[in-house]
Structure formats: C-alpha cells, structure tokens
Amino acid sequence: MADVLVADDQEDVLVLLRTILELEGHGVALASDGCQLVEKAVAATPDVIILDVMMPNLDGVSALRMLRQHASTADVPVIVLSGKGDPGAIDAGFAAGANSYLVKPFDPDELVAEINRACPNIGAA
C-alpha cells in the first residue's frame, strides 16, 4: 500500500481518484490547489504524488518545482495527470521534475500501473 497525495481543483476528479486508489488498497490524501499540495507533502511526505497542472493559487508545474527543491520531497515520484496534453505542456511537466505524465481522460489501469512503477517496493495491500 502506498500513501498517495492527490492534487486537483475539481471535486469530481478528486472523488474519482480517491475511489480508484482506495480500491487498490492505497491510502489517499487530497489537496485542492498547488499551495495545499506543497504544504501537505512537506508536512507528511507521501510515497507518490498525483497532480493536475491547472489549479488555483499555485499551478501544478510551479508546485512540482517547489517540491523538487524541498529536501523531504525532492525524490518523491510525481505523476502529472492533466487535461493539457499538448507537447509543450508535457515537456514543461517533465522539465519541472515529473516522473510520468498522463492526459485526461485517463485509463484507471494505466494510472495504477504508473503508481506501481513509481513505488515498486510498496505494492498494494
């Protein structure tokens, strides 16, 4: 079981992701914007982070850059899950430090596979 921190500003997406991940046996914490994501990640380092790009207060790419600069979160695997699927957005995500980048709408099995790749020693419960 991995501890997963999910950040998205759309409540329906957060509910969907929580459901998918909890069914796989993962613990899930939620954040509704980039600032909340950074605060929660630094306070309790998750095993993996899933984040959206377009969020209020602090966008996902900026939040990711901040996470990569903080000692406790610098090496936490990050999966970007965004509606922005153009090459520029994907390149920006990887340049900021993303481990993988999935485009919405997404395949839940692909997301679970990405988490398992990011956390090979944890696995589901």
N, C-alpha and C. Protein backbone atom coordinates (compact mmCIF):
# COMPACT_ATOMS: atom_id res chain seq x y z
N MET A 1 0.83 -1.19 0.00
CA MET A 1 0.00 0.00 0.00
C MET A 1 0.87 1.24 0.00
N ALA A 2 0.57 2.15 -0.88
CA ALA A 2 1.30 3.42 -0.96
C ALA A 2 0.46 4.53 -0.36
N ASP A 3 1.12 5.51 0.21
CA ASP A 3 0.44 6.73 0.64
C ASP A 3 0.51 7.69 -0.54
N VAL A 4 -0.65 8.03 -1.09
CA VAL A 4 -0.74 8.84 -2.29
C VAL A 4 -1.36 10.19 -1.96
N LEU A 5 -0.71 11.26 -2.37
CA LEU A 5 -1.25 12.60 -2.24
C LEU A 5 -1.72 13.04 -3.61
N VAL A 6 -3.00 13.39 -3.71
CA VAL A 6 -3.61 13.76 -4.98
C VAL A 6 -4.00 15.23 -4.93
N ALA A 7 -3.62 15.99 -5.96
CA ALA A 7 -3.99 17.41 -6.04
C ALA A 7 -4.72 17.68 -7.34
N ASP A 8 -5.93 18.19 -7.20
CA ASP A 8 -6.74 18.59 -8.35
C ASP A 8 -7.78 19.57 -7.82
N ASP A 9 -8.14 20.57 -8.63
CA ASP A 9 -9.11 21.55 -8.17
C ASP A 9 -10.55 21.16 -8.49
N GLN A 10 -10.75 20.03 -9.16
CA GLN A 10 -12.10 19.58 -9.48
C GLN A 10 -12.51 18.47 -8.50
N GLU A 11 -13.56 18.76 -7.75
CA GLU A 11 -14.02 17.83 -6.71
C GLU A 11 -14.36 16.46 -7.28
N ASP A 12 -14.99 16.41 -8.46
CA ASP A 12 -15.36 15.12 -9.04
C ASP A 12 -14.14 14.29 -9.41
N VAL A 13 -13.08 14.93 -9.83
CA VAL A 13 -11.84 14.22 -10.15
C VAL A 13 -11.20 13.68 -8.86
N LEU A 14 -11.21 14.49 -7.81
CA LEU A 14 -10.66 14.04 -6.53
C LEU A 14 -11.42 12.82 -6.01
N VAL A 15 -12.75 12.85 -6.10
CA VAL A 15 -13.56 11.72 -5.64
C VAL A 15 -13.26 10.48 -6.47
N LEU A 16 -13.18 10.64 -7.79
CA LEU A 16 -12.87 9.52 -8.66
C LEU A 16 -11.50 8.92 -8.34
N LEU A 17 -10.50 9.77 -8.22
CA LEU A 17 -9.15 9.27 -7.93
C LEU A 17 -9.09 8.60 -6.56
N ARG A 18 -9.73 9.19 -5.57
CA ARG A 18 -9.74 8.57 -4.24
C ARG A 18 -10.36 7.18 -4.31
N THR A 19 -11.47 7.06 -5.02
CA THR A 19 -12.15 5.77 -5.14
C THR A 19 -11.27 4.73 -5.82
N ILE A 20 -10.68 5.10 -6.94
CA ILE A 20 -9.80 4.18 -7.68
C ILE A 20 -8.65 3.73 -6.80
N LEU A 21 -8.00 4.67 -6.15
CA LEU A 21 -6.81 4.35 -5.36
C LEU A 21 -7.13 3.57 -4.10
N GLU A 22 -8.23 3.91 -3.44
CA GLU A 22 -8.60 3.16 -2.24
C GLU A 22 -9.01 1.74 -2.59
N LEU A 23 -9.65 1.54 -3.73
CA LEU A 23 -9.99 0.18 -4.17
C LEU A 23 -8.73 -0.66 -4.43
N GLU A 24 -7.64 0.01 -4.76
CA GLU A 24 -6.36 -0.68 -4.97
C GLU A 24 -5.60 -0.87 -3.66
N GLY A 25 -6.15 -0.37 -2.55
CA GLY A 25 -5.53 -0.55 -1.25
C GLY A 25 -4.60 0.56 -0.82
N HIS A 26 -4.58 1.67 -1.55
CA HIS A 26 -3.70 2.78 -1.22
C HIS A 26 -4.36 3.74 -0.24
N GLY A 27 -3.55 4.39 0.57
CA GLY A 27 -4.02 5.48 1.41
C GLY A 27 -4.01 6.75 0.57
N VAL A 28 -5.01 7.59 0.74
CA VAL A 28 -5.15 8.77 -0.11
C VAL A 28 -5.37 10.02 0.73
N ALA A 29 -4.57 11.04 0.44
CA ALA A 29 -4.79 12.38 0.98
C ALA A 29 -5.07 13.29 -0.20
N LEU A 30 -5.88 14.32 0.02
CA LEU A 30 -6.30 15.19 -1.08
C LEU A 30 -5.89 16.64 -0.85
N ALA A 31 -5.63 17.32 -1.95
CA ALA A 31 -5.36 18.76 -1.94
C ALA A 31 -6.11 19.37 -3.11
N SER A 32 -6.65 20.58 -2.90
CA SER A 32 -7.45 21.20 -3.95
C SER A 32 -6.72 22.29 -4.73
N ASP A 33 -5.47 22.56 -4.37
CA ASP A 33 -4.66 23.50 -5.14
C ASP A 33 -3.18 23.25 -4.87
N GLY A 34 -2.34 23.95 -5.62
CA GLY A 34 -0.90 23.72 -5.52
C GLY A 34 -0.31 24.09 -4.17
N CYS A 35 -0.82 25.16 -3.56
CA CYS A 35 -0.31 25.55 -2.23
C CYS A 35 -0.60 24.48 -1.20
N GLN A 36 -1.83 24.00 -1.20
CA GLN A 36 -2.22 22.94 -0.26
C GLN A 36 -1.39 21.67 -0.51
N LEU A 37 -1.13 21.38 -1.77
CA LEU A 37 -0.31 20.21 -2.12
C LEU A 37 1.07 20.31 -1.48
N VAL A 38 1.73 21.44 -1.68
CA VAL A 38 3.09 21.60 -1.15
C VAL A 38 3.07 21.52 0.37
N GLU A 39 2.12 22.19 1.02
CA GLU A 39 2.02 22.14 2.48
C GLU A 39 1.85 20.72 2.99
N LYS A 40 0.93 19.97 2.39
CA LYS A 40 0.67 18.60 2.84
C LYS A 40 1.84 17.68 2.55
N ALA A 41 2.48 17.84 1.40
CA ALA A 41 3.61 16.97 1.05
C ALA A 41 4.79 17.18 1.98
N VAL A 42 5.05 18.42 2.34
CA VAL A 42 6.17 18.72 3.24
C VAL A 42 5.86 18.26 4.65
N ALA A 43 4.60 18.40 5.08
CA ALA A 43 4.21 18.01 6.43
C ALA A 43 4.24 16.50 6.64
N ALA A 44 3.84 15.74 5.64
CA ALA A 44 3.79 14.28 5.73
C ALA A 44 4.15 13.72 4.36
N THR A 45 5.40 13.42 4.17
CA THR A 45 5.90 13.00 2.86
C THR A 45 5.18 11.75 2.35
N PRO A 46 4.49 11.88 1.21
CA PRO A 46 3.79 10.72 0.64
C PRO A 46 4.77 9.83 -0.13
N ASP A 47 4.29 8.64 -0.50
CA ASP A 47 5.10 7.74 -1.32
C ASP A 47 5.07 8.17 -2.78
N VAL A 48 3.96 8.76 -3.20
CA VAL A 48 3.80 9.21 -4.58
C VAL A 48 2.78 10.35 -4.60
N ILE A 49 2.96 11.26 -5.56
CA ILE A 49 2.06 12.40 -5.72
C ILE A 49 1.46 12.36 -7.11
N ILE A 50 0.15 12.62 -7.17
CA ILE A 50 -0.55 12.77 -8.45
C ILE A 50 -1.04 14.22 -8.48
N LEU A 51 -0.69 14.96 -9.52
CA LEU A 51 -1.12 16.35 -9.54
C LEU A 51 -1.58 16.82 -10.90
N ASP A 52 -2.54 17.72 -10.85
CA ASP A 52 -3.06 18.38 -12.03
C ASP A 52 -2.17 19.59 -12.33
N VAL A 53 -2.18 20.05 -13.56
CA VAL A 53 -1.40 21.23 -13.93
C VAL A 53 -2.18 22.50 -13.64
N MET A 54 -3.42 22.55 -14.08
CA MET A 54 -4.21 23.78 -13.96
C MET A 54 -4.98 23.78 -12.64
N MET A 55 -4.42 24.51 -11.66
CA MET A 55 -5.05 24.64 -10.34
C MET A 55 -4.92 26.08 -9.88
N PRO A 56 -5.83 26.52 -9.00
CA PRO A 56 -5.75 27.89 -8.49
C PRO A 56 -4.61 28.06 -7.48
N ASN A 57 -4.28 29.28 -7.21
CA ASN A 57 -3.30 29.71 -6.21
C ASN A 57 -1.86 29.36 -6.59
N LEU A 58 -1.63 28.16 -7.03
CA LEU A 58 -0.30 27.73 -7.46
C LEU A 58 -0.52 26.58 -8.43
N ASP A 59 -0.10 26.75 -9.68
CA ASP A 59 -0.33 25.70 -10.68
C ASP A 59 0.55 24.48 -10.38
N GLY A 60 0.21 23.37 -11.00
CA GLY A 60 0.90 22.12 -10.73
C GLY A 60 2.38 22.12 -11.09
N VAL A 61 2.74 22.75 -12.19
CA VAL A 61 4.15 22.79 -12.59
C VAL A 61 4.96 23.59 -11.58
N SER A 62 4.43 24.73 -11.13
CA SER A 62 5.13 25.53 -10.12
C SER A 62 5.23 24.78 -8.80
N ALA A 63 4.14 24.09 -8.43
CA ALA A 63 4.15 23.29 -7.19
C ALA A 63 5.20 22.18 -7.30
N LEU A 64 5.28 21.56 -8.46
CA LEU A 64 6.26 20.49 -8.66
C LEU A 64 7.68 21.02 -8.52
N ARG A 65 7.94 22.18 -9.08
CA ARG A 65 9.28 22.78 -8.93
C ARG A 65 9.60 23.01 -7.45
N MET A 66 8.61 23.48 -6.69
CA MET A 66 8.83 23.70 -5.25
C MET A 66 9.10 22.38 -4.54
N LEU A 67 8.36 21.34 -4.89
CA LEU A 67 8.57 20.04 -4.27
C LEU A 67 9.97 19.52 -4.54
N ARG A 68 10.46 19.72 -5.74
CA ARG A 68 11.79 19.24 -6.11
C ARG A 68 12.90 20.00 -5.39
N GLN A 69 12.60 21.19 -4.88
CA GLN A 69 13.60 21.99 -4.17
C GLN A 69 13.61 21.71 -2.67
N HIS A 70 12.59 21.03 -2.16
CA HIS A 70 12.50 20.75 -0.73
C HIS A 70 13.12 19.38 -0.45
N ALA A 71 13.97 19.31 0.55
CA ALA A 71 14.71 18.08 0.84
C ALA A 71 13.81 16.86 1.05
N SER A 72 12.70 17.02 1.75
CA SER A 72 11.86 15.85 2.07
C SER A 72 11.02 15.37 0.89
N THR A 73 10.84 16.20 -0.12
CA THR A 73 10.01 15.82 -1.25
C THR A 73 10.76 15.77 -2.58
N ALA A 74 12.04 16.03 -2.56
CA ALA A 74 12.83 16.11 -3.79
C ALA A 74 12.78 14.83 -4.61
N ASP A 75 12.70 13.68 -3.94
CA ASP A 75 12.76 12.41 -4.65
C ASP A 75 11.42 11.66 -4.68
N VAL A 76 10.36 12.29 -4.22
CA VAL A 76 9.05 11.64 -4.25
C VAL A 76 8.57 11.54 -5.70
N PRO A 77 8.20 10.36 -6.15
CA PRO A 77 7.70 10.23 -7.52
C PRO A 77 6.44 11.07 -7.73
N VAL A 78 6.39 11.76 -8.86
CA VAL A 78 5.24 12.60 -9.19
C VAL A 78 4.68 12.21 -10.55
N ILE A 79 3.38 11.95 -10.55
CA ILE A 79 2.65 11.65 -11.77
C ILE A 79 1.76 12.85 -12.07
N VAL A 80 2.01 13.51 -13.19
CA VAL A 80 1.15 14.60 -13.60
C VAL A 80 -0.05 13.99 -14.32
N LEU A 81 -1.23 14.44 -13.93
CA LEU A 81 -2.48 13.97 -14.54
C LEU A 81 -3.25 15.22 -14.94
N SER A 82 -3.23 15.54 -16.23
CA SER A 82 -3.73 16.84 -16.67
C SER A 82 -4.55 16.75 -17.95
N GLY A 83 -5.42 17.72 -18.11
CA GLY A 83 -6.15 17.88 -19.36
C GLY A 83 -5.30 18.52 -20.44
N LYS A 84 -4.16 19.05 -20.04
CA LYS A 84 -3.25 19.67 -21.00
C LYS A 84 -2.35 18.59 -21.59
N GLY A 85 -2.63 18.22 -22.83
CA GLY A 85 -1.89 17.13 -23.45
C GLY A 85 -1.03 17.56 -24.62
N ASP A 86 -0.87 18.87 -24.81
CA ASP A 86 -0.02 19.32 -25.91
C ASP A 86 1.45 19.10 -25.56
N PRO A 87 2.30 18.95 -26.57
CA PRO A 87 3.72 18.66 -26.33
C PRO A 87 4.40 19.67 -25.42
N GLY A 88 4.06 20.94 -25.53
CA GLY A 88 4.67 21.96 -24.68
C GLY A 88 4.36 21.74 -23.21
N ALA A 89 3.11 21.41 -22.92
CA ALA A 89 2.71 21.16 -21.53
C ALA A 89 3.39 19.91 -20.98
N ILE A 90 3.44 18.88 -21.79
CA ILE A 90 4.10 17.64 -21.36
C ILE A 90 5.59 17.89 -21.12
N ASP A 91 6.24 18.59 -22.03
CA ASP A 91 7.66 18.92 -21.85
C ASP A 91 7.88 19.74 -20.59
N ALA A 92 6.99 20.71 -20.32
CA ALA A 92 7.11 21.53 -19.11
C ALA A 92 6.97 20.67 -17.86
N GLY A 93 6.06 19.71 -17.88
CA GLY A 93 5.90 18.82 -16.74
C GLY A 93 7.15 18.00 -16.45
N PHE A 94 7.71 17.44 -17.50
CA PHE A 94 8.95 16.66 -17.31
C PHE A 94 10.12 17.56 -16.91
N ALA A 95 10.19 18.75 -17.49
CA ALA A 95 11.27 19.69 -17.14
C ALA A 95 11.20 20.10 -15.67
N ALA A 96 9.98 20.16 -15.13
CA ALA A 96 9.81 20.53 -13.72
C ALA A 96 10.13 19.37 -12.78
N GLY A 97 10.21 18.15 -13.32
CA GLY A 97 10.58 17.02 -12.49
C GLY A 97 9.58 15.89 -12.41
N ALA A 98 8.57 15.88 -13.29
CA ALA A 98 7.59 14.80 -13.27
C ALA A 98 8.25 13.47 -13.65
N ASN A 99 7.80 12.40 -13.02
CA ASN A 99 8.26 11.07 -13.37
C ASN A 99 7.46 10.48 -14.52
N SER A 100 6.18 10.88 -14.59
CA SER A 100 5.34 10.47 -15.71
C SER A 100 4.25 11.52 -15.90
N TYR A 101 3.60 11.45 -17.06
CA TYR A 101 2.60 12.45 -17.42
C TYR A 101 1.46 11.73 -18.13
N LEU A 102 0.27 11.76 -17.53
CA LEU A 102 -0.92 11.15 -18.12
C LEU A 102 -1.91 12.26 -18.47
N VAL A 103 -2.62 12.06 -19.58
CA VAL A 103 -3.56 13.06 -20.04
C VAL A 103 -4.99 12.60 -19.74
N LYS A 104 -5.81 13.53 -19.23
CA LYS A 104 -7.23 13.29 -19.01
C LYS A 104 -7.95 13.36 -20.34
N PRO A 105 -8.97 12.57 -20.58
CA PRO A 105 -9.43 11.49 -19.70
C PRO A 105 -8.39 10.37 -19.66
N PHE A 106 -8.27 9.74 -18.52
CA PHE A 106 -7.21 8.75 -18.31
C PHE A 106 -7.80 7.36 -18.11
N ASP A 107 -6.95 6.38 -18.31
CA ASP A 107 -7.31 4.99 -18.08
C ASP A 107 -6.91 4.64 -16.63
N PRO A 108 -7.87 4.30 -15.78
CA PRO A 108 -7.53 3.98 -14.39
C PRO A 108 -6.46 2.90 -14.26
N ASP A 109 -6.48 1.89 -15.13
CA ASP A 109 -5.46 0.84 -15.07
C ASP A 109 -4.08 1.40 -15.37
N GLU A 110 -4.01 2.35 -16.29
CA GLU A 110 -2.71 2.98 -16.60
C GLU A 110 -2.20 3.78 -15.41
N LEU A 111 -3.10 4.48 -14.72
CA LEU A 111 -2.71 5.24 -13.54
C LEU A 111 -2.18 4.30 -12.46
N VAL A 112 -2.89 3.23 -12.21
CA VAL A 112 -2.46 2.25 -11.19
C VAL A 112 -1.10 1.66 -11.58
N ALA A 113 -0.90 1.37 -12.86
CA ALA A 113 0.38 0.85 -13.32
C ALA A 113 1.50 1.86 -13.09
N GLU A 114 1.21 3.13 -13.31
CA GLU A 114 2.22 4.17 -13.06
C GLU A 114 2.59 4.25 -11.59
N ILE A 115 1.60 4.14 -10.72
CA ILE A 115 1.87 4.15 -9.28
C ILE A 115 2.72 2.94 -8.90
N ASN A 116 2.39 1.78 -9.44
CA ASN A 116 3.17 0.58 -9.14
C ASN A 116 4.61 0.70 -9.66
N ARG A 117 4.79 1.34 -10.81
CA ARG A 117 6.15 1.58 -11.31
C ARG A 117 6.90 2.56 -10.43
N ALA A 118 6.18 3.59 -9.96
CA ALA A 118 6.81 4.61 -9.13
C ALA A 118 7.19 4.08 -7.75
N CYS A 119 6.43 3.12 -7.26
CA CYS A 119 6.62 2.58 -5.91
C CYS A 119 6.75 1.05 -5.97
N PRO A 120 7.77 0.52 -6.63
CA PRO A 120 7.84 -0.93 -6.82
C PRO A 120 7.99 -1.72 -5.53
N ASN A 121 8.51 -1.12 -4.49
CA ASN A 121 8.74 -1.86 -3.25
C ASN A 121 7.58 -1.77 -2.27
N ILE A 122 6.52 -1.05 -2.68
CA ILE A 122 5.40 -0.86 -1.77
C ILE A 122 4.26 -1.78 -2.14
N GLY A 123 3.79 -1.70 -3.38
CA GLY A 123 2.69 -2.54 -3.84
C GLY A 123 1.40 -2.23 -3.13
N ALA A 124 0.34 -2.81 -3.58
CA ALA A 124 -0.98 -2.62 -2.96
C ALA A 124 -1.16 -3.56 -1.77
N ALA A 125 -2.09 -3.22 -0.93
CA ALA A 125 -2.35 -4.03 0.26
C ALA A 125 -2.95 -5.36 -0.11
